[in-house]
């Protein structure tokens, strides 16, 4: 004989069963607050920034977002696109170097968090052997015909310097420096593909030739051409920056810089922060993503190490995604803390 079950009891039982069924769905929603949302990232044309882009994309995927393949853009089209919402973000903003684009992006996008705060250096270098033999310490030395001739392979009377391709923020500052320091008739900036130009320079160096180049950190160049051993950082007599960076002229001097010809070392460039630049509407509609941008960090040393692997041949899209996955797995506790904060931000905003 079965016990008689009241209608009230049946309703309570049904309610309990429904609650138990809903709980896993709620938990899943809280774990992946980005579920159902598509994200369109961008990345810079300099490949040293592709690893951070891959890491952030992977972390957004862990939050449930449908992250599209990144669009590779130069600075001007990116900053216009992110302001208009054609792309949602990139993590390749360099500030103050990219201050020139603020008027373009600030109407519809914003800086959130830091990939790496400070420590992103820029400057001019020559091979140490040539610098030591000829006493090269400053950009001013390139006004000397004998010095110029050491770096002039085409006989046009100008020292050839590996510089930045059009569309990069550093191209504008290099052009400003050449004018401000009176070097336009003495130095010829090579603006072809940076990686290809540096590979050519590395080949010349390995054959005993003299090389002169601009670089930044993190970058594989200063991993393979070690400052103080293979190359030296040059100085400027005094800082002279474009108007949008004038306030940072007091920040171009670095103390204790390995491989600089002087200490303290006036590089002529301020240290930069590498920062995410995010479409404001996207950030407002996706608090979990916004919080992730706010709290995540990637050490400069990790970017250096990955860049070296790319230069050694691990440079396919699959390689870069694998590098990102390996870094995430190796820093799982830290990553999980960021993701927890992102999920809590989503819950607080009802995402």
Protein backbone atom coordinates (compact mmCIF):
# COMPACT_ATOMS: atom_id res chain seq x y z
CA UNK A 1 0.00 0.00 0.00
CA UNK A 2 1.39 3.39 -0.99
CA UNK A 3 1.13 6.36 1.33
CA UNK A 4 -1.21 9.10 0.29
CA UNK A 5 0.68 12.14 -0.96
CA UNK A 6 -1.06 15.49 -0.60
CA UNK A 7 -1.23 18.03 -3.42
CA UNK A 8 0.84 20.39 -1.31
CA UNK A 9 3.51 17.77 -0.87
CA UNK A 10 3.55 17.08 -4.56
CA UNK A 11 4.00 20.77 -5.29
CA UNK A 12 6.82 21.03 -2.76
CA UNK A 13 8.51 18.00 -4.27
CA UNK A 14 8.15 19.38 -7.76
CA UNK A 15 9.57 22.73 -6.60
CA UNK A 16 12.55 21.04 -5.00
CA UNK A 17 13.21 19.03 -8.13
CA UNK A 18 13.00 22.16 -10.26
CA UNK A 19 15.40 23.99 -7.93
CA UNK A 20 17.87 21.12 -8.09
CA UNK A 21 17.66 21.16 -11.87
CA UNK A 22 18.20 24.91 -12.06
CA UNK A 23 21.21 25.02 -9.73
CA UNK A 24 23.71 23.47 -12.19
CA UNK A 25 22.54 25.87 -14.89
CA UNK A 26 23.01 28.83 -12.56
CA UNK A 27 26.44 27.60 -11.57
CA UNK A 28 27.39 27.22 -15.22
CA UNK A 29 26.15 30.73 -16.00
CA UNK A 30 28.19 32.15 -13.15
CA UNK A 31 31.27 30.24 -14.30
CA UNK A 32 30.97 31.44 -17.91
CA UNK A 33 29.33 34.87 -17.76
CA UNK A 34 30.36 35.60 -21.34
CA UNK A 35 28.37 32.68 -22.75
CA UNK A 36 26.68 33.70 -26.00
CA UNK A 37 28.67 36.93 -26.46
CA UNK A 38 31.03 37.29 -29.41
CA UNK A 39 34.30 39.22 -29.00
CA UNK A 40 36.27 40.75 -31.87
CA UNK A 41 39.87 41.36 -30.81
CA UNK A 42 42.63 43.11 -32.72
CA UNK A 43 46.38 42.81 -32.47
CA UNK A 44 49.28 44.98 -33.60
CA UNK A 45 51.39 44.45 -36.70
CA UNK A 46 54.50 43.96 -34.52
CA UNK A 47 54.60 40.25 -33.76
CA UNK A 48 56.18 40.75 -30.33
CA UNK A 49 52.69 41.73 -29.17
CA UNK A 50 50.90 38.63 -30.46
CA UNK A 51 51.62 36.49 -27.40
CA UNK A 52 49.83 38.84 -24.95
CA UNK A 53 46.94 39.05 -27.42
CA UNK A 54 46.68 35.24 -27.42
CA UNK A 55 46.79 35.04 -23.61
CA UNK A 56 43.94 37.51 -23.15
CA UNK A 57 41.87 35.78 -25.84
CA UNK A 58 42.31 32.43 -24.10
CA UNK A 59 41.28 33.91 -20.75
CA UNK A 60 38.15 35.44 -22.28
CA UNK A 61 37.31 32.04 -23.70
CA UNK A 62 37.52 30.57 -20.18
CA UNK A 63 34.87 33.13 -19.20
CA UNK A 64 32.63 31.71 -21.93
CA UNK A 65 33.13 34.34 -24.63
CA UNK A 66 33.17 33.40 -28.30
CA UNK A 67 36.47 35.04 -29.22
CA UNK A 68 37.03 35.55 -32.93
CA UNK A 69 40.36 35.34 -34.71
CA UNK A 70 42.22 38.62 -34.10
CA UNK A 71 42.39 41.27 -36.81
CA UNK A 72 45.96 42.50 -37.33
CA UNK A 73 46.01 46.31 -37.61
CA UNK A 74 48.41 49.24 -37.67
CA UNK A 75 47.89 51.91 -35.04
CA UNK A 76 45.74 54.44 -36.97
CA UNK A 77 43.10 51.97 -38.21
CA UNK A 78 42.99 50.19 -34.85
CA UNK A 79 42.35 53.28 -32.78
CA UNK A 80 39.65 54.41 -35.19
CA UNK A 81 38.09 50.93 -35.28
CA UNK A 82 38.01 50.45 -31.50
CA UNK A 83 36.39 53.86 -31.02
CA UNK A 84 33.71 52.96 -33.57
CA UNK A 85 33.14 49.48 -32.13
CA UNK A 86 34.31 47.63 -35.23
CA UNK A 87 36.74 45.77 -32.95
CA UNK A 88 36.35 45.36 -29.20
CA UNK A 89 39.91 45.63 -27.87
CA UNK A 90 43.61 45.05 -28.20
CA UNK A 91 46.27 44.65 -25.51
CA UNK A 92 49.02 46.33 -27.55
CA UNK A 93 48.58 49.93 -26.45
CA UNK A 94 51.88 51.68 -25.65
CA UNK A 95 51.58 54.80 -23.51
CA UNK A 96 52.73 57.52 -23.65
CA UNK A 97 53.99 56.53 -27.13
CA UNK A 98 50.40 56.21 -28.41
CA UNK A 99 49.21 59.47 -26.88
CA UNK A 100 49.04 60.84 -30.40
CA UNK A 101 45.96 58.63 -30.96
CA UNK A 102 44.03 59.71 -27.86
CA UNK A 103 41.88 62.20 -29.73
CA UNK A 104 40.94 59.38 -32.11
CA UNK A 105 39.92 56.74 -29.59
CA UNK A 106 38.78 58.53 -26.44
CA UNK A 107 35.33 59.30 -27.88
CA UNK A 108 34.46 55.61 -27.87
CA UNK A 109 37.19 53.60 -26.13
CA UNK A 110 39.28 53.66 -22.97
CA UNK A 111 42.38 52.31 -21.27
CA UNK A 112 41.67 49.53 -18.76
CA UNK A 113 44.42 47.92 -16.70
CA UNK A 114 47.99 47.09 -17.69
CA UNK A 115 49.63 44.21 -19.50
CA UNK A 116 52.97 45.47 -18.18
CA UNK A 117 53.38 48.63 -16.15
CA UNK A 118 56.61 50.50 -16.86
CA UNK A 119 59.73 48.70 -18.00
CA UNK A 120 58.89 48.83 -21.70
CA UNK A 121 62.01 50.64 -22.92
CA UNK A 122 62.91 52.06 -26.32
CA UNK A 123 66.05 53.46 -27.80
CA UNK A 124 68.89 53.34 -30.32
CA UNK A 125 71.74 50.81 -30.31
CA UNK A 126 74.91 49.98 -32.23
CA UNK A 127 77.10 46.92 -32.07
CA UNK A 128 79.57 47.11 -29.17
CA UNK A 129 82.67 46.39 -31.26
CA UNK A 130 82.09 49.38 -33.51
CA UNK A 131 81.09 51.61 -30.60
CA UNK A 132 84.23 50.75 -28.65
CA UNK A 133 86.58 51.10 -31.60
CA UNK A 134 85.23 54.47 -32.71
CA UNK A 135 84.02 55.97 -29.44
CA UNK A 136 80.35 56.07 -30.41
CA UNK A 137 78.21 57.04 -27.42
CA UNK A 138 75.51 59.38 -28.70
CA UNK A 139 73.21 60.05 -31.64
CA UNK A 140 75.23 63.23 -32.08
CA UNK A 141 78.18 61.11 -33.22
CA UNK A 142 76.37 60.30 -36.46
CA UNK A 143 77.08 63.81 -37.73
CA UNK A 144 80.71 62.71 -38.07
CA UNK A 145 81.39 61.62 -41.71
CA UNK A 146 83.72 58.82 -40.58
CA UNK A 147 81.08 57.41 -38.23
CA UNK A 148 78.33 57.64 -40.84
CA UNK A 149 80.46 55.80 -43.36
CA UNK A 150 80.62 52.75 -41.07
CA UNK A 151 76.87 52.25 -41.45
CA UNK A 152 76.43 53.42 -45.06
CA UNK A 153 76.10 50.40 -47.32
CA UNK A 154 74.71 52.20 -50.39
CA UNK A 155 77.14 55.12 -50.46
CA UNK A 156 74.53 57.88 -50.20
CA UNK A 157 76.35 59.56 -47.29
CA UNK A 158 73.84 58.56 -44.62
CA UNK A 159 74.07 55.97 -41.84
CA UNK A 160 71.37 53.34 -42.28
CA UNK A 161 69.33 52.66 -39.15
CA UNK A 162 66.70 49.95 -38.78
CA UNK A 163 63.65 51.99 -37.78
CA UNK A 164 59.86 51.53 -37.66
CA UNK A 165 57.42 50.85 -40.50
CA UNK A 166 54.77 53.43 -41.36
CA UNK A 167 51.78 53.28 -39.03
CA UNK A 168 53.78 52.50 -35.88
CA UNK A 169 53.92 55.07 -33.10
CA UNK A 170 57.71 54.84 -32.97
CA UNK A 171 57.94 55.93 -36.61
CA UNK A 172 56.58 59.34 -35.62
CA UNK A 173 58.99 59.76 -32.70
CA UNK A 174 62.00 58.69 -34.76
CA UNK A 175 61.05 61.24 -37.43
CA UNK A 176 60.76 63.88 -34.71
CA UNK A 177 64.16 62.94 -33.28
CA UNK A 178 65.89 63.12 -36.65
CA UNK A 179 64.55 66.63 -37.15
CA UNK A 180 64.99 67.83 -33.56
CA UNK A 181 68.60 66.61 -33.33
CA UNK A 182 69.54 67.79 -36.82
CA UNK A 183 70.14 64.27 -38.12
CA UNK A 184 68.00 64.34 -41.26
CA UNK A 185 71.05 64.69 -43.51
CA UNK A 186 73.04 62.11 -41.59
CA UNK A 187 70.75 59.15 -40.75
CA UNK A 188 68.52 57.19 -43.11
CA UNK A 189 65.70 55.31 -41.30
CA UNK A 190 64.95 51.92 -42.87
CA UNK A 191 61.15 51.54 -42.70
CA UNK A 192 60.68 48.14 -44.30
CA UNK A 193 59.34 45.18 -42.30
CA UNK A 194 60.97 45.46 -38.90
CA UNK A 195 61.51 41.73 -38.38
CA UNK A 196 63.03 41.29 -41.83
CA UNK A 197 65.24 44.37 -41.44
CA UNK A 198 66.48 43.21 -38.05
CA UNK A 199 67.14 39.73 -39.40
CA UNK A 200 69.32 41.36 -42.08
CA UNK A 201 71.09 43.42 -39.42
CA UNK A 202 71.70 40.32 -37.32
CA UNK A 203 73.21 38.61 -40.35
CA UNK A 204 75.58 41.54 -40.95
CA UNK A 205 76.60 41.53 -37.31
CA UNK A 206 77.34 37.80 -37.40
CA UNK A 207 79.55 38.43 -40.44
CA UNK A 208 81.48 41.12 -38.58
CA UNK A 209 79.64 44.16 -39.93
CA UNK A 210 78.47 47.28 -38.09
CA UNK A 211 74.78 47.69 -37.22
CA UNK A 212 72.65 50.61 -36.02
CA UNK A 213 69.03 50.09 -35.01
CA UNK A 214 66.04 51.18 -32.96
CA UNK A 215 64.40 48.63 -30.69
CA UNK A 216 62.08 48.25 -27.74
CA UNK A 217 61.62 45.87 -24.87
CA UNK A 218 60.30 43.23 -24.68
CA UNK A 219 61.72 42.18 -28.02
CA UNK A 220 63.75 39.24 -29.30
CA UNK A 221 66.42 41.65 -30.59
CA UNK A 222 67.84 42.31 -27.13
CA UNK A 223 67.69 38.62 -26.35
CA UNK A 224 69.88 37.66 -29.30
CA UNK A 225 71.93 40.88 -29.30
CA UNK A 226 72.64 41.32 -25.61
CA UNK A 227 73.25 44.88 -24.40
CA UNK A 228 76.70 45.14 -22.87
CA UNK A 229 77.98 42.09 -24.76
CA UNK A 230 76.89 42.42 -28.39
CA UNK A 231 75.40 45.90 -28.56
CA UNK A 232 75.20 49.13 -26.54
CA UNK A 233 72.40 51.62 -25.90
CA UNK A 234 73.19 55.12 -27.17
CA UNK A 235 72.31 58.35 -25.39
CA UNK A 236 70.92 61.73 -26.39
CA UNK A 237 72.27 64.98 -25.01
CA UNK A 238 68.80 66.00 -23.86
CA UNK A 239 65.29 64.69 -24.28
CA UNK A 240 63.18 66.13 -27.08
CA UNK A 241 59.75 64.54 -27.60
CA UNK A 242 56.70 65.34 -29.74
CA UNK A 243 54.14 67.71 -28.23
CA UNK A 244 51.81 64.89 -27.10
CA UNK A 245 54.65 63.43 -24.99
CA UNK A 246 56.43 66.63 -23.85
CA UNK A 247 55.39 66.10 -20.23
CA UNK A 248 57.44 62.87 -20.15
CA UNK A 249 60.80 64.40 -21.12
CA UNK A 250 61.97 64.14 -17.52
CA UNK A 251 61.28 60.37 -17.63
CA UNK A 252 63.75 59.43 -20.39
CA UNK A 253 66.69 58.82 -18.04
CA UNK A 254 67.20 55.26 -16.79
CA UNK A 255 69.61 54.35 -14.01
CA UNK A 256 71.57 51.10 -14.01
CA UNK A 257 70.59 50.13 -17.56
CA UNK A 258 72.68 47.16 -18.62
CA UNK A 259 74.67 47.90 -21.75
CA UNK A 260 74.22 51.67 -21.86
CA UNK A 261 77.31 53.75 -22.64
CA UNK A 262 76.54 55.99 -19.63
CA UNK A 263 74.89 55.66 -16.22
CA UNK A 264 72.42 57.21 -15.78
CA UNK A 265 71.38 56.70 -19.39
CA UNK A 266 69.26 59.21 -21.31
CA UNK A 267 67.60 57.06 -23.96
CA UNK A 268 65.54 59.90 -25.36
CA UNK A 269 62.38 57.84 -24.87
CA UNK A 270 60.31 57.47 -21.68
CA UNK A 271 59.54 54.01 -20.35
CA UNK A 272 56.11 52.91 -21.54
CA UNK A 273 53.17 51.03 -20.08
CA UNK A 274 51.68 48.32 -22.28
CA UNK A 275 47.90 48.59 -21.82
CA UNK A 276 44.59 47.17 -23.06
CA UNK A 277 42.51 49.62 -25.09
CA UNK A 278 38.84 48.62 -24.96
CA UNK A 279 35.68 49.84 -26.64
CA UNK A 280 33.68 51.59 -23.91
CA UNK A 281 30.31 50.10 -24.87
CA UNK A 282 31.82 46.62 -24.88
CA UNK A 283 33.35 47.21 -21.44
CA UNK A 284 30.04 48.50 -20.03
CA UNK A 285 28.09 45.53 -21.41
CA UNK A 286 30.68 42.96 -20.31
CA UNK A 287 31.78 43.63 -16.72
CA UNK A 288 33.56 40.29 -16.48
CA UNK A 289 35.75 41.13 -19.47
CA UNK A 290 36.36 44.65 -18.17
CA UNK A 291 37.46 43.28 -14.80
CA UNK A 292 39.78 40.79 -16.50
CA UNK A 293 41.47 43.63 -18.38
CA UNK A 294 41.77 45.51 -15.11
CA UNK A 295 43.46 42.78 -13.06
CA UNK A 296 45.46 40.59 -15.50
CA UNK A 297 49.21 41.11 -15.99
CA UNK A 298 51.94 39.45 -18.07
CA UNK A 299 55.55 39.96 -16.89
CA UNK A 300 57.95 41.53 -19.38
CA UNK A 301 60.23 38.51 -18.87
CA UNK A 302 57.50 36.13 -20.06
CA UNK A 303 57.02 38.15 -23.24
CA UNK A 304 60.80 38.19 -23.81
CA UNK A 305 60.95 34.40 -23.47
CA UNK A 306 58.06 33.80 -25.85
CA UNK A 307 59.47 36.23 -28.42
CA UNK A 308 62.73 34.28 -28.43
CA UNK A 309 60.81 31.07 -29.16
CA UNK A 310 59.09 32.78 -32.08
CA UNK A 311 62.41 33.90 -33.51
CA UNK A 312 63.70 30.34 -33.20
CA UNK A 313 60.92 29.17 -35.52
CA UNK A 314 57.91 28.61 -33.27
CA UNK A 315 56.00 31.40 -35.00
CA UNK A 316 52.84 29.82 -36.42
CA UNK A 317 49.39 30.72 -35.11
CA UNK A 318 49.23 27.28 -33.50
CA UNK A 319 52.61 27.85 -31.82
CA UNK A 320 51.53 31.20 -30.39
CA UNK A 321 48.28 29.75 -29.02
CA UNK A 322 50.26 26.88 -27.51
CA UNK A 323 52.67 29.34 -25.88
CA UNK A 324 49.68 31.17 -24.39
CA UNK A 325 48.17 27.91 -23.09
CA UNK A 326 51.48 26.83 -21.57
CA UNK A 327 51.94 30.17 -19.82
CA UNK A 328 48.39 30.03 -18.46
CA UNK A 329 48.89 26.48 -17.18
CA UNK A 330 52.15 27.47 -15.54
CA UNK A 331 50.44 30.36 -13.69
CA UNK A 332 47.14 28.65 -12.97
CA UNK A 333 46.67 29.93 -9.43
CA UNK A 334 47.24 33.53 -10.44
CA UNK A 335 45.05 33.16 -13.51
CA UNK A 336 42.24 31.57 -11.52
CA UNK A 337 42.32 34.51 -9.12
CA UNK A 338 41.82 36.90 -12.04
CA UNK A 339 38.98 34.81 -13.42
CA UNK A 340 37.31 34.68 -10.01
CA UNK A 341 37.37 38.46 -9.82
CA UNK A 342 35.95 38.68 -13.34
CA UNK A 343 33.09 36.30 -12.46
CA UNK A 344 32.33 38.19 -9.27
CA UNK A 345 32.17 41.43 -11.25
CA UNK A 346 29.67 39.81 -13.61
CA UNK A 347 27.49 38.63 -10.71
CA UNK A 348 27.57 42.06 -9.12
CA UNK A 349 26.38 43.64 -12.37
CA UNK A 350 23.93 40.86 -13.21
CA UNK A 351 25.73 39.91 -16.42
